[in-house]
């Protein structure tokens, strides 16, 4: 994962927040409830944006292709960067629909949020997100930080959850530089799971090839790798369970300007959310980022067709 992606997923929640909150104002209604359809919503042009990493572009293409197939007029603006870019774009109409992640969206608006499970996060979003916006149904698919070990180490020491890391103390943990101080990083590992004998190794590719190599080569015994990384499969890695919810939910969720909301649009996007899984996201990323180098639009169309979400 690139530095740019990390900025999108975490740092965007803290940088320039005051200015943006002032820009969008306060929430006055529940953005998770069906909004009244505004005049012109049925014929509104849908402009789908994305963050600047492949998974977001894949998701943006899935939304765009499905909506176009349903009869909407759709265009795309992908690779926009972090939320300091996408949120103002959603406000001014440069885009009006984004694939988002519920946990980091919550932390963007409430840096002190304590919600962790999907239900807690979604409930907190009801009052955190400004009334200009609409949230549709969250997907079971998640892309979030995870404590990861090799399958071989998991089998050798009986590691299934984060708390089991006490069995291999002391150990080295490899992750992005911020992980040493993040609440769900080294401090949270100690506070939540009582795992204290950890040597932190900073690796600046955010769960990318260098992090995976360090883990496979046993230069580190544990690593922070995202849950939709294709390397979880190809490098035979294991994501450790997090029963105490140290790491907040990061479910994929459609996020839109309320001016384009219609029941028809919600039906299309909610069907996507209901179908998409984390394993499917891994497979989609592997198609695009792996050896085949499939274009995101092609991978998106193939998935929609396979799942019966495109009208013939």
Protein backbone atom coordinates (compact mmCIF):
# COMPACT_ATOMS: atom_id res chain seq x y z
CA UNK A 1 0.00 0.00 0.00
CA UNK A 2 1.36 3.38 -0.97
CA UNK A 3 1.92 6.37 1.25
CA UNK A 4 -0.83 8.14 -0.67
CA UNK A 5 -3.25 5.39 0.22
CA UNK A 6 -2.36 5.53 3.89
CA UNK A 7 -3.00 9.26 3.83
CA UNK A 8 -6.40 8.55 2.31
CA UNK A 9 -7.32 5.91 4.84
CA UNK A 10 -6.13 7.49 8.12
CA UNK A 11 -4.38 10.84 7.94
CA UNK A 12 -7.21 12.31 5.89
CA UNK A 13 -9.27 12.00 9.02
CA UNK A 14 -7.15 14.47 10.91
CA UNK A 15 -5.63 16.94 8.44
CA UNK A 16 -7.53 20.12 7.65
CA UNK A 17 -10.54 18.74 9.48
CA UNK A 18 -11.61 22.00 11.08
CA UNK A 19 -11.86 23.81 7.77
CA UNK A 20 -13.88 21.07 6.16
CA UNK A 21 -16.27 20.66 9.06
CA UNK A 22 -16.90 24.38 8.96
CA UNK A 23 -17.50 24.09 5.23
CA UNK A 24 -20.17 21.39 5.46
CA UNK A 25 -21.83 22.55 8.68
CA UNK A 26 -23.60 20.38 11.24
CA UNK A 27 -25.69 17.28 10.76
CA UNK A 28 -29.41 17.82 11.17
CA UNK A 29 -30.85 14.54 9.90
CA UNK A 30 -29.98 10.86 9.81
CA UNK A 31 -28.00 10.25 6.58
CA UNK A 32 -28.66 6.52 6.77
CA UNK A 33 -32.43 6.91 6.35
CA UNK A 34 -34.00 7.14 2.91
CA UNK A 35 -34.00 10.79 1.88
CA UNK A 36 -36.89 12.53 0.13
CA UNK A 37 -36.21 12.54 -3.60
CA UNK A 38 -35.34 16.07 -4.70
CA UNK A 39 -36.66 17.69 -7.85
CA UNK A 40 -34.59 16.38 -10.74
CA UNK A 41 -33.02 13.53 -8.78
CA UNK A 42 -34.41 10.93 -11.18
CA UNK A 43 -32.67 12.59 -14.11
CA UNK A 44 -29.56 13.76 -12.26
CA UNK A 45 -26.20 13.04 -13.82
CA UNK A 46 -24.18 10.73 -11.59
CA UNK A 47 -20.49 11.58 -11.25
CA UNK A 48 -18.61 8.80 -9.47
CA UNK A 49 -15.30 9.62 -7.80
CA UNK A 50 -12.61 7.48 -6.21
CA UNK A 51 -9.60 7.75 -3.96
CA UNK A 52 -6.17 7.38 -5.49
CA UNK A 53 -5.62 3.64 -5.11
CA UNK A 54 -6.71 0.65 -7.26
CA UNK A 55 -9.34 -0.81 -4.95
CA UNK A 56 -11.25 2.46 -4.80
CA UNK A 57 -11.16 2.75 -8.59
CA UNK A 58 -12.46 -0.84 -8.91
CA UNK A 59 -15.35 0.00 -6.58
CA UNK A 60 -16.03 3.25 -8.42
CA UNK A 61 -16.24 1.33 -11.68
CA UNK A 62 -18.62 -1.21 -10.13
CA UNK A 63 -20.94 1.62 -9.04
CA UNK A 64 -20.67 3.45 -12.36
CA UNK A 65 -21.25 0.42 -14.59
CA UNK A 66 -24.20 -0.85 -12.57
CA UNK A 67 -25.88 2.57 -12.52
CA UNK A 68 -25.28 3.11 -16.22
CA UNK A 69 -26.76 -0.32 -16.91
CA UNK A 70 -29.83 0.70 -14.87
CA UNK A 71 -30.40 3.72 -17.11
CA UNK A 72 -28.59 6.51 -15.26
CA UNK A 73 -26.35 9.02 -17.00
CA UNK A 74 -22.93 8.40 -15.47
CA UNK A 75 -19.42 9.82 -15.70
CA UNK A 76 -16.35 9.20 -13.55
CA UNK A 77 -13.52 11.16 -11.93
CA UNK A 78 -11.10 8.68 -10.40
CA UNK A 79 -7.81 9.05 -8.54
CA UNK A 80 -8.86 12.20 -6.68
CA UNK A 81 -6.69 11.75 -3.59
CA UNK A 82 -7.65 11.91 0.11
CA UNK A 83 -10.81 13.17 1.78
CA UNK A 84 -9.52 16.74 1.82
CA UNK A 85 -10.19 16.51 -1.93
CA UNK A 86 -13.19 14.19 -2.15
CA UNK A 87 -15.40 15.77 0.52
CA UNK A 88 -15.27 19.29 -1.00
CA UNK A 89 -15.85 17.70 -4.43
CA UNK A 90 -18.97 15.97 -3.11
CA UNK A 91 -20.17 19.32 -1.76
CA UNK A 92 -19.56 21.43 -4.87
CA UNK A 93 -20.87 18.80 -7.29
CA UNK A 94 -17.57 17.97 -8.97
CA UNK A 95 -18.53 14.43 -7.99
CA UNK A 96 -21.67 13.24 -6.24
CA UNK A 97 -20.99 9.59 -5.38
CA UNK A 98 -18.03 7.82 -3.73
CA UNK A 99 -17.18 4.34 -2.49
CA UNK A 100 -16.25 5.01 1.14
CA UNK A 101 -15.17 3.10 4.26
CA UNK A 102 -17.49 3.56 7.22
CA UNK A 103 -14.85 3.58 9.99
CA UNK A 104 -12.52 6.14 8.48
CA UNK A 105 -15.45 8.26 7.34
CA UNK A 106 -16.61 8.38 10.96
CA UNK A 107 -13.13 9.26 12.22
CA UNK A 108 -12.90 12.00 9.60
CA UNK A 109 -15.88 13.76 11.18
CA UNK A 110 -15.25 12.67 14.78
CA UNK A 111 -11.59 12.16 15.61
CA UNK A 112 -12.52 11.05 19.13
CA UNK A 113 -15.05 8.40 18.08
CA UNK A 114 -14.93 5.22 20.15
CA UNK A 115 -17.17 3.08 17.91
CA UNK A 116 -15.47 -0.12 16.73
CA UNK A 117 -17.92 -2.75 15.47
CA UNK A 118 -19.82 -2.30 12.21
CA UNK A 119 -23.08 -1.67 14.08
CA UNK A 120 -21.43 0.85 16.41
CA UNK A 121 -19.76 2.70 13.55
CA UNK A 122 -22.94 2.83 11.48
CA UNK A 123 -24.90 4.08 14.46
CA UNK A 124 -22.33 6.81 15.16
CA UNK A 125 -22.41 7.92 11.52
CA UNK A 126 -26.07 8.85 11.91
CA UNK A 127 -25.12 11.95 13.89
CA UNK A 128 -21.56 12.52 12.66
CA UNK A 129 -22.17 12.95 8.93
CA UNK A 130 -23.57 16.30 7.76
CA UNK A 131 -27.08 16.37 6.37
CA UNK A 132 -25.86 17.28 2.87
CA UNK A 133 -24.92 13.62 2.42
CA UNK A 134 -26.60 10.23 2.15
CA UNK A 135 -25.22 6.88 3.26
CA UNK A 136 -26.60 3.70 1.74
CA UNK A 137 -26.24 0.13 3.02
CA UNK A 138 -22.76 -0.96 4.19
CA UNK A 139 -21.24 -4.03 2.58
CA UNK A 140 -19.88 -7.03 4.50
CA UNK A 141 -16.68 -6.38 2.53
CA UNK A 142 -14.01 -4.66 4.62
CA UNK A 143 -10.57 -3.28 3.88
CA UNK A 144 -8.81 -2.44 7.11
CA UNK A 145 -5.55 -2.82 9.00
CA UNK A 146 -4.93 -6.30 10.38
CA UNK A 147 -2.33 -8.06 12.48
CA UNK A 148 -0.94 -10.74 10.18
CA UNK A 149 1.42 -13.71 10.59
CA UNK A 150 2.48 -16.46 8.22
CA UNK A 151 0.27 -19.52 8.12
CA UNK A 152 3.28 -21.58 9.12
CA UNK A 153 3.84 -19.54 12.29
CA UNK A 154 0.14 -19.64 13.11
CA UNK A 155 0.14 -23.43 12.87
CA UNK A 156 3.37 -23.82 14.86
CA UNK A 157 2.31 -21.66 17.81
CA UNK A 158 -1.47 -21.94 17.69
CA UNK A 159 -2.11 -18.33 16.71
CA UNK A 160 -5.68 -17.49 15.80
CA UNK A 161 -6.36 -14.12 17.46
CA UNK A 162 -4.34 -11.02 18.32
CA UNK A 163 -4.24 -12.00 21.99
CA UNK A 164 -2.42 -15.19 21.04
CA UNK A 165 0.63 -13.09 20.16
CA UNK A 166 1.56 -13.34 23.84
CA UNK A 167 2.65 -16.90 22.99
CA UNK A 168 5.53 -15.63 20.82
CA UNK A 169 6.74 -12.68 22.91
CA UNK A 170 9.15 -11.06 22.39
CA UNK A 171 8.69 -10.49 18.67
CA UNK A 172 9.23 -7.88 15.97
CA UNK A 173 6.28 -6.15 14.32
CA UNK A 174 6.60 -4.45 10.93
CA UNK A 175 4.25 -1.64 9.91
CA UNK A 176 4.01 1.90 8.58
CA UNK A 177 5.80 4.57 10.64
CA UNK A 178 2.59 5.89 12.25
CA UNK A 179 1.66 2.43 13.56
CA UNK A 180 4.03 2.86 16.47
CA UNK A 181 1.76 5.53 17.96
CA UNK A 182 -1.69 4.89 16.47
CA UNK A 183 -4.43 3.85 18.94
CA UNK A 184 -4.89 0.52 17.14
CA UNK A 185 -1.14 0.08 16.75
CA UNK A 186 1.51 -0.67 19.37
CA UNK A 187 -0.23 1.28 22.19
CA UNK A 188 -3.54 -0.48 21.55
CA UNK A 189 -1.84 -3.86 21.30
CA UNK A 190 -0.52 -3.37 24.82
CA UNK A 191 -3.64 -1.79 26.31
CA UNK A 192 -6.27 -4.03 24.73
CA UNK A 193 -4.51 -7.37 24.52
CA UNK A 194 -1.73 -7.07 27.10
CA UNK A 195 0.99 -7.83 24.53
CA UNK A 196 3.94 -5.71 25.64
CA UNK A 197 7.21 -7.26 24.47
CA UNK A 198 7.19 -5.89 20.94
CA UNK A 199 10.01 -4.42 18.88
CA UNK A 200 8.60 -2.03 16.30
CA UNK A 201 10.12 -2.05 12.79
CA UNK A 202 9.07 0.86 10.58
CA UNK A 203 8.44 -0.16 6.96
CA UNK A 204 7.21 2.63 4.73
CA UNK A 205 5.27 0.76 2.05
CA UNK A 206 2.07 0.41 4.11
CA UNK A 207 1.57 -3.33 3.94
CA UNK A 208 3.12 -3.61 0.49
CA UNK A 209 5.85 -5.87 -0.94
CA UNK A 210 8.57 -4.81 1.50
CA UNK A 211 6.32 -5.52 4.49
CA UNK A 212 5.26 -8.89 3.09
CA UNK A 213 8.88 -9.84 2.33
CA UNK A 214 9.97 -8.93 5.87
CA UNK A 215 7.22 -11.16 7.27
CA UNK A 216 7.87 -14.11 4.95
CA UNK A 217 11.64 -13.85 5.55
CA UNK A 218 11.04 -13.73 9.35
CA UNK A 219 12.73 -10.35 9.65
CA UNK A 220 9.53 -9.51 11.51
CA UNK A 221 7.13 -12.06 12.96
CA UNK A 222 3.98 -9.93 12.75
CA UNK A 223 2.97 -7.26 10.24
CA UNK A 224 0.21 -4.74 9.60
CA UNK A 225 -1.28 -5.70 6.23
CA UNK A 226 -4.68 -4.69 4.87
CA UNK A 227 -7.44 -7.28 4.77
CA UNK A 228 -7.95 -7.12 0.99
CA UNK A 229 -4.28 -7.55 0.08
CA UNK A 230 -3.83 -10.31 -2.56
CA UNK A 231 -0.63 -11.24 -0.69
CA UNK A 232 -2.74 -12.80 2.05
CA UNK A 233 -3.44 -15.61 -0.41
CA UNK A 234 -0.34 -15.69 -2.60
CA UNK A 235 2.15 -15.45 0.31
CA UNK A 236 0.17 -17.83 2.56
CA UNK A 237 -0.52 -15.35 5.35
CA UNK A 238 -3.08 -15.40 8.15
CA UNK A 239 -5.13 -12.48 9.47
CA UNK A 240 -5.48 -12.77 13.25
CA UNK A 241 -8.97 -12.40 14.68
CA UNK A 242 -9.70 -9.26 16.68
CA UNK A 243 -12.39 -10.30 19.22
CA UNK A 244 -11.93 -7.14 21.31
CA UNK A 245 -12.31 -4.86 18.28
CA UNK A 246 -9.01 -3.06 18.61
CA UNK A 247 -9.30 -2.09 14.95
CA UNK A 248 -12.52 -0.36 13.92
CA UNK A 249 -14.78 -1.68 11.18
CA UNK A 250 -14.02 -0.45 7.66
CA UNK A 251 -16.96 -1.67 5.61
CA UNK A 252 -17.32 -0.44 2.05
CA UNK A 253 -20.31 1.92 1.86
CA UNK A 254 -21.80 4.13 -0.89
CA UNK A 255 -21.55 7.82 0.07
CA UNK A 256 -23.39 10.41 -1.99
CA UNK A 257 -24.60 13.94 -2.19
CA UNK A 258 -28.24 13.83 -1.09
CA UNK A 259 -29.31 15.82 -4.17
CA UNK A 260 -28.96 12.72 -6.39
CA UNK A 261 -30.72 10.29 -4.06
CA UNK A 262 -33.55 8.22 -5.53
CA UNK A 263 -35.06 4.91 -4.54
CA UNK A 264 -33.92 3.47 -7.87
CA UNK A 265 -30.31 4.52 -7.27
CA UNK A 266 -30.42 3.12 -3.74
CA UNK A 267 -31.76 -0.21 -5.00
CA UNK A 268 -28.87 -0.58 -7.47
CA UNK A 269 -26.13 0.33 -5.01
CA UNK A 270 -27.59 -1.59 -2.06
CA UNK A 271 -27.68 -4.73 -4.21
CA UNK A 272 -23.95 -4.31 -4.81
CA UNK A 273 -23.30 -3.84 -1.09
CA UNK A 274 -25.32 -6.92 -0.22
CA UNK A 275 -23.32 -9.06 -2.66
CA UNK A 276 -19.74 -7.87 -2.22
CA UNK A 277 -17.46 -9.77 0.19
CA UNK A 278 -13.94 -9.24 1.45
CA UNK A 279 -12.74 -12.34 -0.41
CA UNK A 280 -14.19 -10.95 -3.63
CA UNK A 281 -12.35 -7.67 -3.05
CA UNK A 282 -9.11 -9.62 -2.64
CA UNK A 283 -9.79 -11.41 -5.94
CA UNK A 284 -10.63 -8.14 -7.71
CA UNK A 285 -7.46 -6.50 -6.46
CA UNK A 286 -5.44 -9.52 -7.58
CA UNK A 287 -6.91 -9.20 -11.07
CA UNK A 288 -5.94 -5.54 -11.29
CA UNK A 289 -2.69 -5.47 -9.32
CA UNK A 290 -1.43 -9.00 -9.95
CA UNK A 291 0.23 -10.57 -12.96
CA UNK A 292 -2.77 -10.26 -15.28
CA UNK A 293 -2.96 -6.44 -14.85
CA UNK A 294 -6.65 -6.35 -15.74
CA UNK A 295 -8.07 -2.85 -16.12
CA UNK A 296 -10.32 -1.86 -13.18
CA UNK A 297 -13.32 -1.33 -15.47
CA UNK A 298 -12.91 -4.79 -16.97
CA UNK A 299 -12.58 -6.45 -13.56
CA UNK A 300 -15.63 -4.53 -12.35
CA UNK A 301 -17.75 -5.55 -15.31
CA UNK A 302 -16.69 -9.20 -15.00
CA UNK A 303 -17.68 -9.22 -11.32
CA UNK A 304 -21.05 -7.55 -11.95
CA UNK A 305 -21.81 -10.00 -14.74
CA UNK A 306 -20.81 -13.03 -12.67
CA UNK A 307 -23.00 -11.89 -9.78
CA UNK A 308 -26.00 -11.21 -12.03
CA UNK A 309 -26.04 -7.49 -11.28
CA UNK A 310 -26.06 -6.31 -14.90
CA UNK A 311 -29.25 -6.41 -16.94
CA UNK A 312 -28.82 -8.29 -20.21
